Structure formats: C-alpha cells, structure tokens
Amino acid sequence: MKLIADSGSTKTNWCLLPENGHPEIILTSGFNPYFRTTDEIAEEIGRMLVPRIPGPVQNIYFYGAGVTDAAKGDVVRQALRRFYPEVPVETESDLLAAARATCGREKGIACILGTGSNSCFYDGEKIAEQVSPLGFILGDEGSGAVMGRKLAGDYLKKVMPEDLRSDFHEMFPYQPFEILERVYRQPRPNMFLAGFTKFLSAKMEHEYCRNFIKLNFSEFIERNLTGYPSVSDLKIHFIGSLAFHFRELLLEVLIASGLNAGTIVQEPMEGLIRFHNGEQAGNRQNNSGKHL
C-alpha cells in the first residue's frame, strides 16, 4: 500500500492507495513544518491516521506547504518514521505536487493560485526553474491574499464603485480600523485578506469584479511565467481554489496572452494518484473533463 499526502497549513488529505482496490481518503489537520513541530505532527498522526490504516505501508509520499528544503521536509519525515521506521518516505513541496499532478511525466508549466501563488518550469522529472513567489507583500500575484489586499484597499480608498462598496460592507461589516488591526497587528493576515475574495465570487457579473480578477491574473502571468523557457509552446497547468473558481476568466487571460491552457483543478490528489500509479500523462483530464 502507498500512502500519499497533500498537506496545507489547514488540512491534510491522506490517500491510502492499495495495489488492488479503491483509494481511501483520510483527513487530518495541516502539517506545515513552519508552524508545526515533529512532536506535534507525530502526536496527530498517531491519533488520527495510523489507527485507520488497515495494512502494511510500502511507500509514503508527503507533499506539503512549507516543505521548502530538506530541513523542513525532515520535520515531517521524522514524525512519520516514528510509526514506519523501515518505510521509504519522500517529502516534497506542494509545487512539485502541482507539477506531478498536472504535467505527469511531460514538460510543462505548473502553477498554484490559492491563498498564495507559485509557479515552476517542470522538465518531466523535476522542477527545473522557479520564479520566487516572494509572499503577499512583495509578490504572490494572482493569489487570494493579494487580490484581497487590493480589494480592501479599493474599498477603503473609495476606488471601488459605490454600489459595490455598500455590498462589500454588508458582507464584511468591519470598521476601517478593524481591517488595519487584522492586517498589521494580528497573525496570518494573508488568510484574513484572502477571505475577501468570496466577494468577487458573489459579484462575478459586475464589470469591476471581472476586470479586477483579469488584471490580477495578467499580473501573475507577466511577472511569473513569461521568463520560463519555451513558455508559449508549453501547456500551463493550474492547481488551487482561485484558479478553479475563476477558471473562465483565467482562460480568457491565457488566450489573450497567447499561452496554452492545460489542466485547471482545485486540488492535486486525483493527479497524484495517477502519477504514483504509473499512468501516462495522456490519461490526464482538463478542467472540462475531456482528455488532453
């Protein structure tokens, strides 16, 4: 049995992948090694995961936010080895998960558009090039945190159309000082700001919102994708809630930029199952459900 994990800061999807039989998903909290220690991770794995695994595990593949280098990967690896000391454990970034899930074993550009954003050129085996995302203050173009930051700024500076400002205040009845407090003085302001993007979903038909989303996607492309080799010849794939929920506008922007859209999905697990089952890239499906 293979064990595959797709972990964010909030939740982890674990897939039990038997050689014969159907995959089973188990949910635990997120295991970002920037915020969780080995002891904390091991405690929850022992309590929430291990008792639900029915048989021996041959390989573990852990993909996670915060697995930025070998040291961070080892935080998770050591927790897993307390329960599976003889099992090979591979700990990799969520960006490699996006690449393997969407590109398979073919060259391509893999992107993440969720609370944060990221991208890479994947050569069919590994991440060959990566433009640093830089976080939501210096970068993360096209992400929920950056869209939320700009949306809040437009609201507070009265750049947002007046009819939308009333709707925004109704959905988020904060006083200006409360928004500033949450952003500048409380932890995880990126998560707070990303929450404002549900306003864009609710008001998708408004010209301001559509143009706002398209402009942010255009900035992501211009500042992150245009420098990759042969970008105009490769398929560009996306993982993440922002890409998935706003995929119609994302496709418009990609086409206008002369780029080739690939897969657009919300989460990578289905693609990771295919990858670790050894299925070929031709078995992937695009965001319309049709084979590529």
C-alpha atoms as a PDB file:
ATOM      1  CA  MET A   1       0.000   0.000   0.000  1.00  0.00           C
ATOM      2  CA  LYS A   2       1.178   3.503  -0.867  1.00  0.00           C
ATOM      3  CA  LEU A   3       0.362   6.486   1.332  1.00  0.00           C
ATOM      4  CA  ILE A   4       0.096   9.889  -0.387  1.00  0.00           C
ATOM      5  CA  ALA A   5      -0.384  13.154   1.499  1.00  0.00           C
ATOM      6  CA  ASP A   6      -1.405  16.552   0.152  1.00  0.00           C
ATOM      7  CA  SER A   7      -0.896  18.934   3.072  1.00  0.00           C
ATOM      8  CA  GLY A   8      -1.609  22.614   3.546  1.00  0.00           C
ATOM      9  CA  SER A   9      -1.485  24.794   6.615  1.00  0.00           C
ATOM     10  CA  THR A  10      -5.122  23.990   7.438  1.00  0.00           C
ATOM     11  CA  LYS A  11      -5.748  20.381   6.383  1.00  0.00           C
ATOM     12  CA  THR A  12      -4.040  17.281   5.011  1.00  0.00           C
ATOM     13  CA  ASN A  13      -5.628  14.816   2.618  1.00  0.00           C
ATOM     14  CA  TRP A  14      -4.094  11.342   3.025  1.00  0.00           C
ATOM     15  CA  CYS A  15      -4.777   8.793   0.320  1.00  0.00           C
ATOM     16  CA  LEU A  16      -4.401   5.081   1.057  1.00  0.00           C
ATOM     17  CA  LEU A  17      -3.541   3.592  -2.311  1.00  0.00           C
ATOM     18  CA  PRO A  18      -3.694  -0.229  -2.297  1.00  0.00           C
ATOM     19  CA  GLU A  19      -2.250  -2.239  -5.179  1.00  0.00           C
ATOM     20  CA  ASN A  20      -5.686  -3.645  -5.863  1.00  0.00           C
ATOM     21  CA  GLY A  21      -8.723  -1.763  -4.702  1.00  0.00           C
ATOM     22  CA  HIS A  22     -10.114   1.721  -4.411  1.00  0.00           C
ATOM     23  CA  PRO A  23      -8.234   4.664  -2.899  1.00  0.00           C
ATOM     24  CA  GLU A  24      -9.415   5.843   0.517  1.00  0.00           C
ATOM     25  CA  ILE A  25      -9.080   9.424   1.763  1.00  0.00           C
ATOM     26  CA  ILE A  26      -8.381  10.290   5.399  1.00  0.00           C
ATOM     27  CA  LEU A  27      -8.460  13.898   6.612  1.00  0.00           C
ATOM     28  CA  THR A  28      -6.242  15.369   9.331  1.00  0.00           C
ATOM     29  CA  SER A  29      -5.179  18.908  10.164  1.00  0.00           C
ATOM     30  CA  GLY A  30      -2.426  20.612   8.204  1.00  0.00           C
ATOM     31  CA  PHE A  31       1.244  19.851   8.832  1.00  0.00           C
ATOM     32  CA  ASN A  32       3.146  22.910   7.640  1.00  0.00           C
ATOM     33  CA  PRO A  33       6.644  22.482   9.155  1.00  0.00           C
ATOM     34  CA  TYR A  34       6.972  26.247   9.538  1.00  0.00           C
ATOM     35  CA  PHE A  35       4.179  26.122  12.125  1.00  0.00           C
ATOM     36  CA  ARG A  36       4.212  22.534  13.471  1.00  0.00           C
ATOM     37  CA  THR A  37       6.977  20.618  15.234  1.00  0.00           C
ATOM     38  CA  THR A  38       7.893  16.967  14.723  1.00  0.00           C
ATOM     39  CA  ASP A  39       6.347  16.094  18.086  1.00  0.00           C
ATOM     40  CA  GLU A  40       3.075  17.866  17.224  1.00  0.00           C
ATOM     41  CA  ILE A  41       2.867  16.165  13.846  1.00  0.00           C
ATOM     42  CA  ALA A  42       3.676  12.748  15.303  1.00  0.00           C
ATOM     43  CA  GLU A  43       1.032  13.106  18.007  1.00  0.00           C
ATOM     44  CA  GLU A  44      -1.742  13.716  15.481  1.00  0.00           C
ATOM     45  CA  ILE A  45      -0.507  11.092  13.038  1.00  0.00           C
ATOM     46  CA  GLY A  46      -0.536   8.523  15.827  1.00  0.00           C
ATOM     47  CA  ARG A  47      -4.005   9.533  16.945  1.00  0.00           C
ATOM     48  CA  MET A  48      -5.833  10.313  13.696  1.00  0.00           C
ATOM     49  CA  LEU A  49      -4.041   8.452  10.898  1.00  0.00           C
ATOM     50  CA  VAL A  50      -2.212   5.302  11.980  1.00  0.00           C
ATOM     51  CA  PRO A  51      -5.230   3.567  13.595  1.00  0.00           C
ATOM     52  CA  ARG A  52      -7.141   3.895  10.305  1.00  0.00           C
ATOM     53  CA  ILE A  53      -4.501   2.270   8.098  1.00  0.00           C
ATOM     54  CA  PRO A  54      -5.514  -1.388   7.712  1.00  0.00           C
ATOM     55  CA  GLY A  55      -2.299  -2.953   6.480  1.00  0.00           C
ATOM     56  CA  PRO A  56       1.435  -2.539   5.800  1.00  0.00           C
ATOM     57  CA  VAL A  57       2.681   0.570   4.000  1.00  0.00           C
ATOM     58  CA  GLN A  58       5.398   0.208   1.336  1.00  0.00           C
ATOM     59  CA  ASN A  59       5.988   3.864   0.409  1.00  0.00           C
ATOM     60  CA  ILE A  60       4.994   7.277   1.752  1.00  0.00           C
ATOM     61  CA  TYR A  61       4.842  10.386  -0.436  1.00  0.00           C
ATOM     62  CA  PHE A  62       4.229  13.597   1.505  1.00  0.00           C
ATOM     63  CA  TYR A  63       3.657  16.848  -0.405  1.00  0.00           C
ATOM     64  CA  GLY A  64       3.174  19.953   1.663  1.00  0.00           C
ATOM     65  CA  ALA A  65       3.113  23.707   2.003  1.00  0.00           C
ATOM     66  CA  GLY A  66       6.211  24.768   3.911  1.00  0.00           C
ATOM     67  CA  VAL A  67       8.385  21.900   2.636  1.00  0.00           C
ATOM     68  CA  THR A  68      10.838  24.348   1.100  1.00  0.00           C
ATOM     69  CA  ASP A  69      14.073  22.472   1.729  1.00  0.00           C
ATOM     70  CA  ALA A  70      15.475  19.227   3.145  1.00  0.00           C
ATOM     71  CA  ALA A  71      15.426  20.517   6.718  1.00  0.00           C
ATOM     72  CA  LYS A  72      11.729  21.383   6.610  1.00  0.00           C
ATOM     73  CA  GLY A  73      10.976  18.069   4.908  1.00  0.00           C
ATOM     74  CA  ASP A  74      12.820  16.278   7.696  1.00  0.00           C
ATOM     75  CA  VAL A  75      10.456  17.760  10.295  1.00  0.00           C
ATOM     76  CA  VAL A  76       7.653  15.723   8.726  1.00  0.00           C
ATOM     77  CA  ARG A  77       9.807  12.728   7.789  1.00  0.00           C
ATOM     78  CA  GLN A  78      10.962  12.151  11.355  1.00  0.00           C
ATOM     79  CA  ALA A  79       7.369  12.216  12.590  1.00  0.00           C
ATOM     80  CA  LEU A  80       6.331   9.562  10.068  1.00  0.00           C
ATOM     81  CA  ARG A  81       9.348   7.373  10.819  1.00  0.00           C
ATOM     82  CA  ARG A  82       8.283   7.032  14.429  1.00  0.00           C
ATOM     83  CA  PHE A  83       5.475   4.804  13.135  1.00  0.00           C
ATOM     84  CA  TYR A  84       7.035   3.496   9.895  1.00  0.00           C
ATOM     85  CA  PRO A  85      10.791   3.284  10.581  1.00  0.00           C
ATOM     86  CA  GLU A  86      11.542   0.965   7.649  1.00  0.00           C
ATOM     87  CA  VAL A  87       9.320   2.639   5.039  1.00  0.00           C
ATOM     88  CA  PRO A  88      10.859   4.995   2.428  1.00  0.00           C
ATOM     89  CA  VAL A  89       9.444   8.496   2.995  1.00  0.00           C
ATOM     90  CA  GLU A  90       9.609  11.173   0.302  1.00  0.00           C
ATOM     91  CA  THR A  91       8.800  14.712   1.448  1.00  0.00           C
ATOM     92  CA  GLU A  92       8.319  17.286  -1.298  1.00  0.00           C
ATOM     93  CA  SER A  93       6.829  20.733  -1.832  1.00  0.00           C
ATOM     94  CA  ASP A  94       3.252  21.478  -2.787  1.00  0.00           C
ATOM     95  CA  LEU A  95       4.662  22.931  -6.012  1.00  0.00           C
ATOM     96  CA  LEU A  96       6.123  19.557  -7.048  1.00  0.00           C
ATOM     97  CA  ALA A  97       2.735  18.053  -6.175  1.00  0.00           C
ATOM     98  CA  ALA A  98       1.113  20.510  -8.582  1.00  0.00           C
ATOM     99  CA  ALA A  99       3.637  19.634 -11.295  1.00  0.00           C
ATOM    100  CA  ARG A 100       3.331  15.872 -10.919  1.00  0.00           C
ATOM    101  CA  ALA A 101      -0.452  16.047 -10.659  1.00  0.00           C
ATOM    102  CA  THR A 102      -0.932  18.141 -13.796  1.00  0.00           C
ATOM    103  CA  CYS A 103       2.107  17.537 -16.008  1.00  0.00           C
ATOM    104  CA  GLY A 104       2.637  13.887 -15.138  1.00  0.00           C
ATOM    105  CA  ARG A 105       5.908  12.973 -16.833  1.00  0.00           C
ATOM    106  CA  GLU A 106       5.759  15.635 -19.533  1.00  0.00           C
ATOM    107  CA  LYS A 107       7.323  19.077 -19.685  1.00  0.00           C
ATOM    108  CA  GLY A 108       5.071  21.926 -18.682  1.00  0.00           C
ATOM    109  CA  ILE A 109       4.454  24.953 -16.518  1.00  0.00           C
ATOM    110  CA  ALA A 110       2.763  24.200 -13.203  1.00  0.00           C
ATOM    111  CA  CYS A 111       1.130  26.959 -11.156  1.00  0.00           C
ATOM    112  CA  ILE A 112      -0.615  27.329  -7.816  1.00  0.00           C
ATOM    113  CA  LEU A 113      -3.265  30.016  -7.359  1.00  0.00           C
ATOM    114  CA  GLY A 114      -4.795  29.789  -3.912  1.00  0.00           C
ATOM    115  CA  THR A 115      -4.210  31.832  -0.778  1.00  0.00           C
ATOM    116  CA  GLY A 116      -0.694  32.285  -2.167  1.00  0.00           C
ATOM    117  CA  SER A 117       0.683  31.788  -5.663  1.00  0.00           C
ATOM    118  CA  ASN A 118       3.641  29.917  -7.118  1.00  0.00           C
ATOM    119  CA  SER A 119       4.899  28.545 -10.421  1.00  0.00           C
ATOM    120  CA  CYS A 120       7.645  26.474 -11.995  1.00  0.00           C
ATOM    121  CA  PHE A 121       9.001  25.007 -15.197  1.00  0.00           C
ATOM    122  CA  TYR A 122       8.827  21.222 -14.827  1.00  0.00           C
ATOM    123  CA  ASP A 123      11.048  19.180 -17.155  1.00  0.00           C
ATOM    124  CA  GLY A 124       9.049  15.959 -16.799  1.00  0.00           C
ATOM    125  CA  GLU A 125      11.045  14.750 -13.803  1.00  0.00           C
ATOM    126  CA  LYS A 126      11.832  17.694 -11.545  1.00  0.00           C
ATOM    127  CA  ILE A 127      11.348  21.405 -11.055  1.00  0.00           C
ATOM    128  CA  ALA A 128      13.997  22.832 -13.370  1.00  0.00           C
ATOM    129  CA  GLU A 129      13.276  26.545 -12.860  1.00  0.00           C
ATOM    130  CA  GLN A 130      11.200  28.552 -10.410  1.00  0.00           C
ATOM    131  CA  VAL A 131      10.395  32.242 -10.113  1.00  0.00           C
ATOM    132  CA  SER A 132      10.302  33.025  -6.399  1.00  0.00           C
ATOM    133  CA  PRO A 133       6.747  33.878  -5.297  1.00  0.00           C
ATOM    134  CA  LEU A 134       8.084  36.306  -2.605  1.00  0.00           C
ATOM    135  CA  GLY A 135       4.939  36.283  -0.449  1.00  0.00           C
ATOM    136  CA  PHE A 136       1.898  38.511  -0.485  1.00  0.00           C
ATOM    137  CA  ILE A 137       3.767  41.760   0.264  1.00  0.00           C
ATOM    138  CA  LEU A 138       6.439  41.557  -2.450  1.00  0.00           C
ATOM    139  CA  GLY A 139       4.824  39.062  -4.820  1.00  0.00           C
ATOM    140  CA  ASP A 140       2.155  36.338  -4.863  1.00  0.00           C
ATOM    141  CA  GLU A 141       0.455  37.994  -7.808  1.00  0.00           C
ATOM    142  CA  GLY A 142      -2.917  36.451  -8.660  1.00  0.00           C
ATOM    143  CA  SER A 143      -3.313  34.907  -5.209  1.00  0.00           C
ATOM    144  CA  GLY A 144      -6.217  35.216  -2.812  1.00  0.00           C
ATOM    145  CA  ALA A 145      -4.104  37.203  -0.339  1.00  0.00           C
ATOM    146  CA  VAL A 146      -3.039  39.759  -2.940  1.00  0.00           C
ATOM    147  CA  MET A 147      -6.489  40.046  -4.505  1.00  0.00           C
ATOM    148  CA  GLY A 148      -7.924  40.514  -1.019  1.00  0.00           C
ATOM    149  CA  ARG A 149      -5.289  43.124  -0.158  1.00  0.00           C
ATOM    150  CA  LYS A 150      -6.060  45.118  -3.291  1.00  0.00           C
ATOM    151  CA  LEU A 151      -9.799  44.691  -2.853  1.00  0.00           C
ATOM    152  CA  ALA A 152      -9.643  46.009   0.717  1.00  0.00           C
ATOM    153  CA  GLY A 153      -7.521  48.904  -0.483  1.00  0.00           C
ATOM    154  CA  ASP A 154     -10.036  49.800  -3.192  1.00  0.00           C
ATOM    155  CA  TYR A 155     -12.817  49.670  -0.618  1.00  0.00           C
ATOM    156  CA  LEU A 156     -11.039  51.812   1.978  1.00  0.00           C
ATOM    157  CA  LYS A 157      -9.807  54.370  -0.582  1.00  0.00           C
ATOM    158  CA  LYS A 158     -13.241  54.522  -2.244  1.00  0.00           C
ATOM    159  CA  VAL A 159     -11.862  53.376  -5.590  1.00  0.00           C
ATOM    160  CA  MET A 160     -14.441  50.579  -5.655  1.00  0.00           C
ATOM    161  CA  PRO A 161     -17.755  51.638  -7.269  1.00  0.00           C
ATOM    162  CA  GLU A 162     -20.189  52.983  -4.685  1.00  0.00           C
ATOM    163  CA  ASP A 163     -22.834  50.308  -5.254  1.00  0.00           C
ATOM    164  CA  LEU A 164     -20.228  47.605  -4.631  1.00  0.00           C
ATOM    165  CA  ARG A 165     -18.865  49.390  -1.551  1.00  0.00           C
ATOM    166  CA  SER A 166     -22.289  49.069   0.081  1.00  0.00           C
ATOM    167  CA  ASP A 167     -22.425  45.364  -0.781  1.00  0.00           C
ATOM    168  CA  PHE A 168     -18.858  44.854   0.439  1.00  0.00           C
ATOM    169  CA  HIS A 169     -19.635  46.463   3.801  1.00  0.00           C
ATOM    170  CA  GLU A 170     -22.745  44.329   4.133  1.00  0.00           C
ATOM    171  CA  MET A 171     -20.730  41.160   3.558  1.00  0.00           C
ATOM    172  CA  PHE A 172     -17.770  42.332   5.691  1.00  0.00           C
ATOM    173  CA  PRO A 173     -19.103  44.811   8.301  1.00  0.00           C
ATOM    174  CA  TYR A 174     -15.657  45.873   9.526  1.00  0.00           C
ATOM    175  CA  GLN A 175     -14.743  49.378  10.518  1.00  0.00           C
ATOM    176  CA  PRO A 176     -11.581  50.623   8.753  1.00  0.00           C
ATOM    177  CA  PHE A 177      -9.550  50.424  11.975  1.00  0.00           C
ATOM    178  CA  GLU A 178     -10.601  46.768  12.375  1.00  0.00           C
ATOM    179  CA  ILE A 179      -9.247  45.879   8.939  1.00  0.00           C
ATOM    180  CA  LEU A 180      -5.979  47.655   9.725  1.00  0.00           C
ATOM    181  CA  GLU A 181      -5.769  45.849  13.066  1.00  0.00           C
ATOM    182  CA  ARG A 182      -6.243  42.449  11.422  1.00  0.00           C
ATOM    183  CA  VAL A 183      -3.675  43.175   8.713  1.00  0.00           C
ATOM    184  CA  TYR A 184      -0.933  44.890  10.705  1.00  0.00           C
ATOM    185  CA  ARG A 185      -1.227  43.597  14.253  1.00  0.00           C
ATOM    186  CA  GLN A 186      -2.732  40.108  14.186  1.00  0.00           C
ATOM    187  CA  PRO A 187      -1.210  36.823  12.943  1.00  0.00           C
ATOM    188  CA  ARG A 188      -1.714  35.361   9.457  1.00  0.00           C
ATOM    189  CA  PRO A 189      -3.000  38.482   7.682  1.00  0.00           C
ATOM    190  CA  ASN A 190      -2.709  36.642   4.352  1.00  0.00           C
ATOM    191  CA  MET A 191      -5.525  34.304   5.383  1.00  0.00           C
ATOM    192  CA  PHE A 192      -7.661  37.222   6.538  1.00  0.00           C
ATOM    193  CA  LEU A 193      -7.152  39.107   3.278  1.00  0.00           C
ATOM    194  CA  ALA A 194      -7.808  36.032   1.130  1.00  0.00           C
ATOM    195  CA  GLY A 195     -11.235  35.773   2.746  1.00  0.00           C
ATOM    196  CA  PHE A 196     -12.309  38.911   0.887  1.00  0.00           C
ATOM    197  CA  THR A 197     -12.185  37.060  -2.441  1.00  0.00           C
ATOM    198  CA  LYS A 198     -15.566  35.457  -1.755  1.00  0.00           C
ATOM    199  CA  PHE A 199     -16.958  38.922  -2.546  1.00  0.00           C
ATOM    200  CA  LEU A 200     -15.541  38.558  -6.062  1.00  0.00           C
ATOM    201  CA  SER A 201     -17.318  35.226  -6.429  1.00  0.00           C
ATOM    202  CA  ALA A 202     -20.601  36.739  -5.260  1.00  0.00           C
ATOM    203  CA  LYS A 203     -20.336  39.704  -7.660  1.00  0.00           C
ATOM    204  CA  MET A 204     -18.756  37.986 -10.657  1.00  0.00           C
ATOM    205  CA  GLU A 205     -21.149  39.592 -13.142  1.00  0.00           C
ATOM    206  CA  HIS A 206     -20.128  43.121 -12.172  1.00  0.00           C
ATOM    207  CA  GLU A 207     -17.696  44.687 -14.639  1.00  0.00           C
ATOM    208  CA  TYR A 208     -15.435  45.944 -11.856  1.00  0.00           C
ATOM    209  CA  CYS A 209     -15.007  42.446 -10.403  1.00  0.00           C
ATOM    210  CA  ARG A 210     -14.384  40.762 -13.738  1.00  0.00           C
ATOM    211  CA  ASN A 211     -11.806  43.355 -14.751  1.00  0.00           C
ATOM    212  CA  PHE A 212     -10.231  43.183 -11.292  1.00  0.00           C
ATOM    213  CA  ILE A 213      -9.770  39.403 -11.491  1.00  0.00           C
ATOM    214  CA  LYS A 214      -8.435  39.502 -15.055  1.00  0.00           C
ATOM    215  CA  LEU A 215      -5.945  42.241 -14.195  1.00  0.00           C
ATOM    216  CA  ASN A 216      -4.599  40.200 -11.270  1.00  0.00           C
ATOM    217  CA  PHE A 217      -4.256  37.082 -13.426  1.00  0.00           C
ATOM    218  CA  SER A 218      -2.479  39.150 -16.095  1.00  0.00           C
ATOM    219  CA  GLU A 219      -0.011  40.377 -13.466  1.00  0.00           C
ATOM    220  CA  PHE A 220       0.640  36.791 -12.391  1.00  0.00           C
ATOM    221  CA  ILE A 221       1.434  35.812 -15.980  1.00  0.00           C
ATOM    222  CA  GLU A 222       3.591  38.853 -16.706  1.00  0.00           C
ATOM    223  CA  ARG A 223       5.642  38.715 -13.518  1.00  0.00           C
ATOM    224  CA  ASN A 224       5.950  34.939 -13.104  1.00  0.00           C
ATOM    225  CA  LEU A 225       5.503  32.996 -16.340  1.00  0.00           C
ATOM    226  CA  THR A 226       6.953  34.982 -19.232  1.00  0.00           C
ATOM    227  CA  GLY A 227      10.563  34.212 -18.316  1.00  0.00           C
ATOM    228  CA  TYR A 228      10.274  30.426 -18.441  1.00  0.00           C
ATOM    229  CA  PRO A 229      11.874  28.683 -21.453  1.00  0.00           C
ATOM    230  CA  SER A 230       9.518  27.983 -24.386  1.00  0.00           C
ATOM    231  CA  VAL A 231       6.558  29.162 -22.293  1.00  0.00           C
ATOM    232  CA  SER A 232       4.473  29.852 -25.392  1.00  0.00           C
ATOM    233  CA  ASP A 233       4.963  26.249 -26.579  1.00  0.00           C
ATOM    234  CA  LEU A 234       4.112  24.514 -23.304  1.00  0.00           C
ATOM    235  CA  LYS A 235       0.830  23.816 -21.593  1.00  0.00           C
ATOM    236  CA  ILE A 236       0.281  25.864 -18.465  1.00  0.00           C
ATOM    237  CA  HIS A 237      -1.483  23.995 -15.674  1.00  0.00           C
ATOM    238  CA  PHE A 238      -3.108  25.353 -12.521  1.00  0.00           C
ATOM    239  CA  ILE A 239      -3.945  23.998  -9.081  1.00  0.00           C
ATOM    240  CA  GLY A 240      -5.840  25.947  -6.440  1.00  0.00           C
ATOM    241  CA  SER A 241      -9.134  27.452  -5.373  1.00  0.00           C
ATOM    242  CA  LEU A 242      -8.677  30.823  -7.116  1.00  0.00           C
ATOM    243  CA  ALA A 243      -7.702  29.231 -10.422  1.00  0.00           C
ATOM    244  CA  PHE A 244     -10.576  26.752 -10.226  1.00  0.00           C
ATOM    245  CA  HIS A 245     -13.377  29.108  -9.193  1.00  0.00           C
ATOM    246  CA  PHE A 246     -12.331  31.854 -11.627  1.00  0.00           C
ATOM    247  CA  ARG A 247     -11.218  29.492 -14.414  1.00  0.00           C
ATOM    248  CA  GLU A 248     -13.411  31.131 -17.077  1.00  0.00           C
ATOM    249  CA  LEU A 249     -11.604  34.445 -16.635  1.00  0.00           C
ATOM    250  CA  LEU A 250      -8.232  32.725 -16.242  1.00  0.00           C
ATOM    251  CA  LEU A 251      -8.732  31.020 -19.608  1.00  0.00           C
ATOM    252  CA  GLU A 252      -9.615  34.364 -21.195  1.00  0.00           C
ATOM    253  CA  VAL A 253      -6.392  35.904 -19.908  1.00  0.00           C
ATOM    254  CA  LEU A 254      -4.258  32.959 -21.012  1.00  0.00           C
ATOM    255  CA  ILE A 255      -5.702  33.058 -24.516  1.00  0.00           C
ATOM    256  CA  ALA A 256      -5.245  36.831 -24.745  1.00  0.00           C
ATOM    257  CA  SER A 257      -1.603  36.326 -23.705  1.00  0.00           C
ATOM    258  CA  GLY A 258      -1.047  33.737 -26.433  1.00  0.00           C
ATOM    259  CA  LEU A 259      -0.497  30.920 -23.949  1.00  0.00           C
ATOM    260  CA  ASN A 260      -1.721  27.321 -23.951  1.00  0.00           C
ATOM    261  CA  ALA A 261      -4.092  26.376 -21.145  1.00  0.00           C
ATOM    262  CA  GLY A 262      -3.699  22.931 -19.642  1.00  0.00           C
ATOM    263  CA  THR A 263      -5.400  21.425 -16.620  1.00  0.00           C
ATOM    264  CA  ILE A 264      -7.193  23.657 -14.106  1.00  0.00           C
ATOM    265  CA  VAL A 265      -8.209  21.790 -10.947  1.00  0.00           C
ATOM    266  CA  GLN A 266      -8.851  22.717  -7.340  1.00  0.00           C
ATOM    267  CA  GLU A 267      -6.734  20.033  -5.655  1.00  0.00           C
ATOM    268  CA  PRO A 268      -3.883  17.771  -6.821  1.00  0.00           C
ATOM    269  CA  MET A 269      -4.803  14.435  -5.243  1.00  0.00           C
ATOM    270  CA  GLU A 270      -6.503  12.846  -8.250  1.00  0.00           C
ATOM    271  CA  GLY A 271      -3.473  13.641 -10.405  1.00  0.00           C
ATOM    272  CA  LEU A 272      -1.060  12.412  -7.740  1.00  0.00           C
ATOM    273  CA  ILE A 273      -2.901   9.097  -7.607  1.00  0.00           C
ATOM    274  CA  ARG A 274      -2.483   8.749 -11.370  1.00  0.00           C
ATOM    275  CA  PHE A 275       1.189   9.713 -11.135  1.00  0.00           C
ATOM    276  CA  HIS A 276       2.025   7.214  -8.401  1.00  0.00           C
ATOM    277  CA  ASN A 277       0.027   4.517 -10.162  1.00  0.00           C
ATOM    278  CA  GLY A 278       2.343   4.998 -13.122  1.00  0.00           C
ATOM    279  CA  GLU A 279      -0.336   6.215 -15.507  1.00  0.00           C
ATOM    280  CA  GLN A 280       0.833   8.165 -18.528  1.00  0.00           C
ATOM    281  CA  ALA A 281       0.276  11.879 -18.949  1.00  0.00           C
ATOM    282  CA  GLY A 282      -2.209  11.230 -21.742  1.00  0.00           C
ATOM    283  CA  ASN A 283      -4.644   9.930 -19.126  1.00  0.00           C
ATOM    284  CA  ARG A 284      -4.944  13.359 -17.534  1.00  0.00           C
ATOM    285  CA  GLN A 285      -8.115  15.336 -17.970  1.00  0.00           C
ATOM    286  CA  ASN A 286      -8.533  19.045 -18.452  1.00  0.00           C
ATOM    287  CA  ASN A 287     -10.853  21.258 -16.474  1.00  0.00           C
ATOM    288  CA  SER A 288     -13.766  20.412 -18.772  1.00  0.00           C
ATOM    289  CA  GLY A 289     -13.419  16.703 -18.086  1.00  0.00           C
ATOM    290  CA  LYS A 290     -12.127  15.948 -21.601  1.00  0.00           C
ATOM    291  CA  HIS A 291      -8.860  14.148 -22.204  1.00  0.00           C
ATOM    292  CA  LEU A 292      -5.974  16.359 -23.217  1.00  0.00           C
END
